[in-house]
């Protein structure tokens, strides 16, 4: 069947194969281009898959719909508090070791979030 939703923060050469794997009526969320290259998606793919390509620019969304953003943030918080979503924490660093946190990201071995704590 394939995934119903794809969250793509990478782009580049991974975008088209990812979209080809999507389920019928799926959503492909374009979040960023960490690979550096902006992909060129053949537009027959959304037609053949009956799927949507949706741009997700969080900063602009906050400005364009602050009330909608607040509602969604409340929903996300409720999901987190109810144990329905859990972010994957790869490592935690105190602020004085923030440089090590950045180095971990630079090594591109991080799977999940790197958290820097204060206090």
Protein backbone atom coordinates (compact mmCIF):
# COMPACT_ATOMS: atom_id res chain seq x y z
CA UNK A 1 0.00 0.00 0.00
CA UNK A 2 2.71 2.51 0.91
CA UNK A 3 2.71 5.35 3.43
CA UNK A 4 -0.30 7.65 3.76
CA UNK A 5 1.87 10.63 4.71
CA UNK A 6 5.49 11.40 3.84
CA UNK A 7 7.29 14.17 5.73
CA UNK A 8 10.18 15.19 3.47
CA UNK A 9 12.77 17.49 4.98
CA UNK A 10 15.53 16.08 2.72
CA UNK A 11 14.47 16.63 -0.90
CA UNK A 12 17.17 16.00 -3.48
CA UNK A 13 17.42 12.56 -5.06
CA UNK A 14 15.18 11.02 -2.37
CA UNK A 15 12.04 12.98 -3.24
CA UNK A 16 10.84 11.18 -6.35
CA UNK A 17 11.35 7.61 -5.06
CA UNK A 18 9.66 8.62 -1.80
CA UNK A 19 6.66 10.00 -3.67
CA UNK A 20 6.49 6.92 -5.89
CA UNK A 21 6.05 4.83 -2.71
CA UNK A 22 3.06 6.82 -1.42
CA UNK A 23 -0.36 5.22 -1.01
CA UNK A 24 -3.40 6.25 -3.02
CA UNK A 25 -4.82 9.54 -1.69
CA UNK A 26 -1.63 10.16 0.31
CA UNK A 27 -0.05 13.45 1.32
CA UNK A 28 3.54 14.35 0.56
CA UNK A 29 4.67 17.14 2.88
CA UNK A 30 7.48 19.30 1.49
CA UNK A 31 9.25 20.63 4.58
CA UNK A 32 12.80 21.39 3.48
CA UNK A 33 15.78 20.58 1.33
CA UNK A 34 18.56 19.28 3.60
CA UNK A 35 20.11 17.49 0.62
CA UNK A 36 20.69 20.90 -0.92
CA UNK A 37 18.93 20.32 -4.23
CA UNK A 38 15.32 21.25 -4.84
CA UNK A 39 13.78 18.21 -6.56
CA UNK A 40 11.94 18.30 -9.86
CA UNK A 41 8.87 16.14 -9.39
CA UNK A 42 7.15 14.71 -12.49
CA UNK A 43 3.62 16.06 -12.14
CA UNK A 44 2.07 12.91 -13.56
CA UNK A 45 2.91 11.18 -10.24
CA UNK A 46 0.35 13.06 -8.12
CA UNK A 47 -2.19 12.36 -10.86
CA UNK A 48 -1.42 8.62 -10.97
CA UNK A 49 -1.34 8.31 -7.16
CA UNK A 50 -4.32 10.60 -6.48
CA UNK A 51 -1.99 12.18 -3.91
CA UNK A 52 -1.34 15.72 -2.74
CA UNK A 53 1.96 17.58 -2.56
CA UNK A 54 1.68 20.08 0.28
CA UNK A 55 4.20 22.79 1.13
CA UNK A 56 4.70 23.15 4.88
CA UNK A 57 6.38 26.44 5.78
CA UNK A 58 5.79 26.67 9.50
CA UNK A 59 7.02 30.24 9.97
CA UNK A 60 4.67 31.62 7.32
CA UNK A 61 1.77 29.55 8.64
CA UNK A 62 2.14 31.07 12.11
CA UNK A 63 1.90 34.56 10.59
CA UNK A 64 -0.93 33.70 8.18
CA UNK A 65 -3.17 31.86 10.67
CA UNK A 66 -2.16 32.45 14.31
CA UNK A 67 -5.48 31.12 15.65
CA UNK A 68 -5.21 27.94 13.56
CA UNK A 69 -1.62 27.52 14.68
CA UNK A 70 -2.66 27.83 18.34
CA UNK A 71 -5.42 25.21 17.86
CA UNK A 72 -3.04 22.76 16.22
CA UNK A 73 -0.42 23.33 18.90
CA UNK A 74 -3.04 22.56 21.57
CA UNK A 75 -3.99 19.36 19.72
CA UNK A 76 -0.34 18.32 19.46
CA UNK A 77 0.21 19.03 23.15
CA UNK A 78 -2.82 16.87 24.03
CA UNK A 79 -1.47 14.02 21.87
CA UNK A 80 1.90 14.28 23.61
CA UNK A 81 0.39 14.42 27.09
CA UNK A 82 -1.82 11.44 26.24
CA UNK A 83 1.20 9.39 25.18
CA UNK A 84 0.07 9.20 21.54
CA UNK A 85 3.23 10.88 20.16
CA UNK A 86 6.74 10.75 21.56
CA UNK A 87 9.68 12.55 19.99
CA UNK A 88 12.78 10.41 19.62
CA UNK A 89 15.56 11.95 21.71
CA UNK A 90 18.99 10.95 20.39
CA UNK A 91 21.03 12.81 23.01
CA UNK A 92 20.79 15.53 25.68
CA UNK A 93 23.52 18.08 26.39
CA UNK A 94 23.83 20.78 29.04
CA UNK A 95 24.23 24.27 27.57
CA UNK A 96 27.98 24.32 28.30
CA UNK A 97 28.35 21.33 25.95
CA UNK A 98 26.27 22.89 23.17
CA UNK A 99 29.26 22.72 20.83
CA UNK A 100 29.26 18.94 21.18
CA UNK A 101 25.55 18.89 20.30
CA UNK A 102 26.22 20.86 17.13
CA UNK A 103 29.14 18.55 16.27
CA UNK A 104 26.81 15.54 16.58
CA UNK A 105 24.43 17.16 14.10
CA UNK A 106 27.34 18.00 11.78
CA UNK A 107 28.44 14.36 11.77
CA UNK A 108 24.99 13.49 10.35
CA UNK A 109 24.67 10.44 12.59
CA UNK A 110 21.81 11.76 14.70
CA UNK A 111 18.56 9.81 14.57
CA UNK A 112 15.94 11.95 16.26
CA UNK A 113 16.38 15.14 18.24
CA UNK A 114 19.41 16.58 19.99
CA UNK A 115 18.30 18.51 23.07
CA UNK A 116 20.32 21.27 24.74
CA UNK A 117 19.16 21.98 28.28
CA UNK A 118 19.60 25.10 30.40
CA UNK A 119 20.12 24.69 34.14
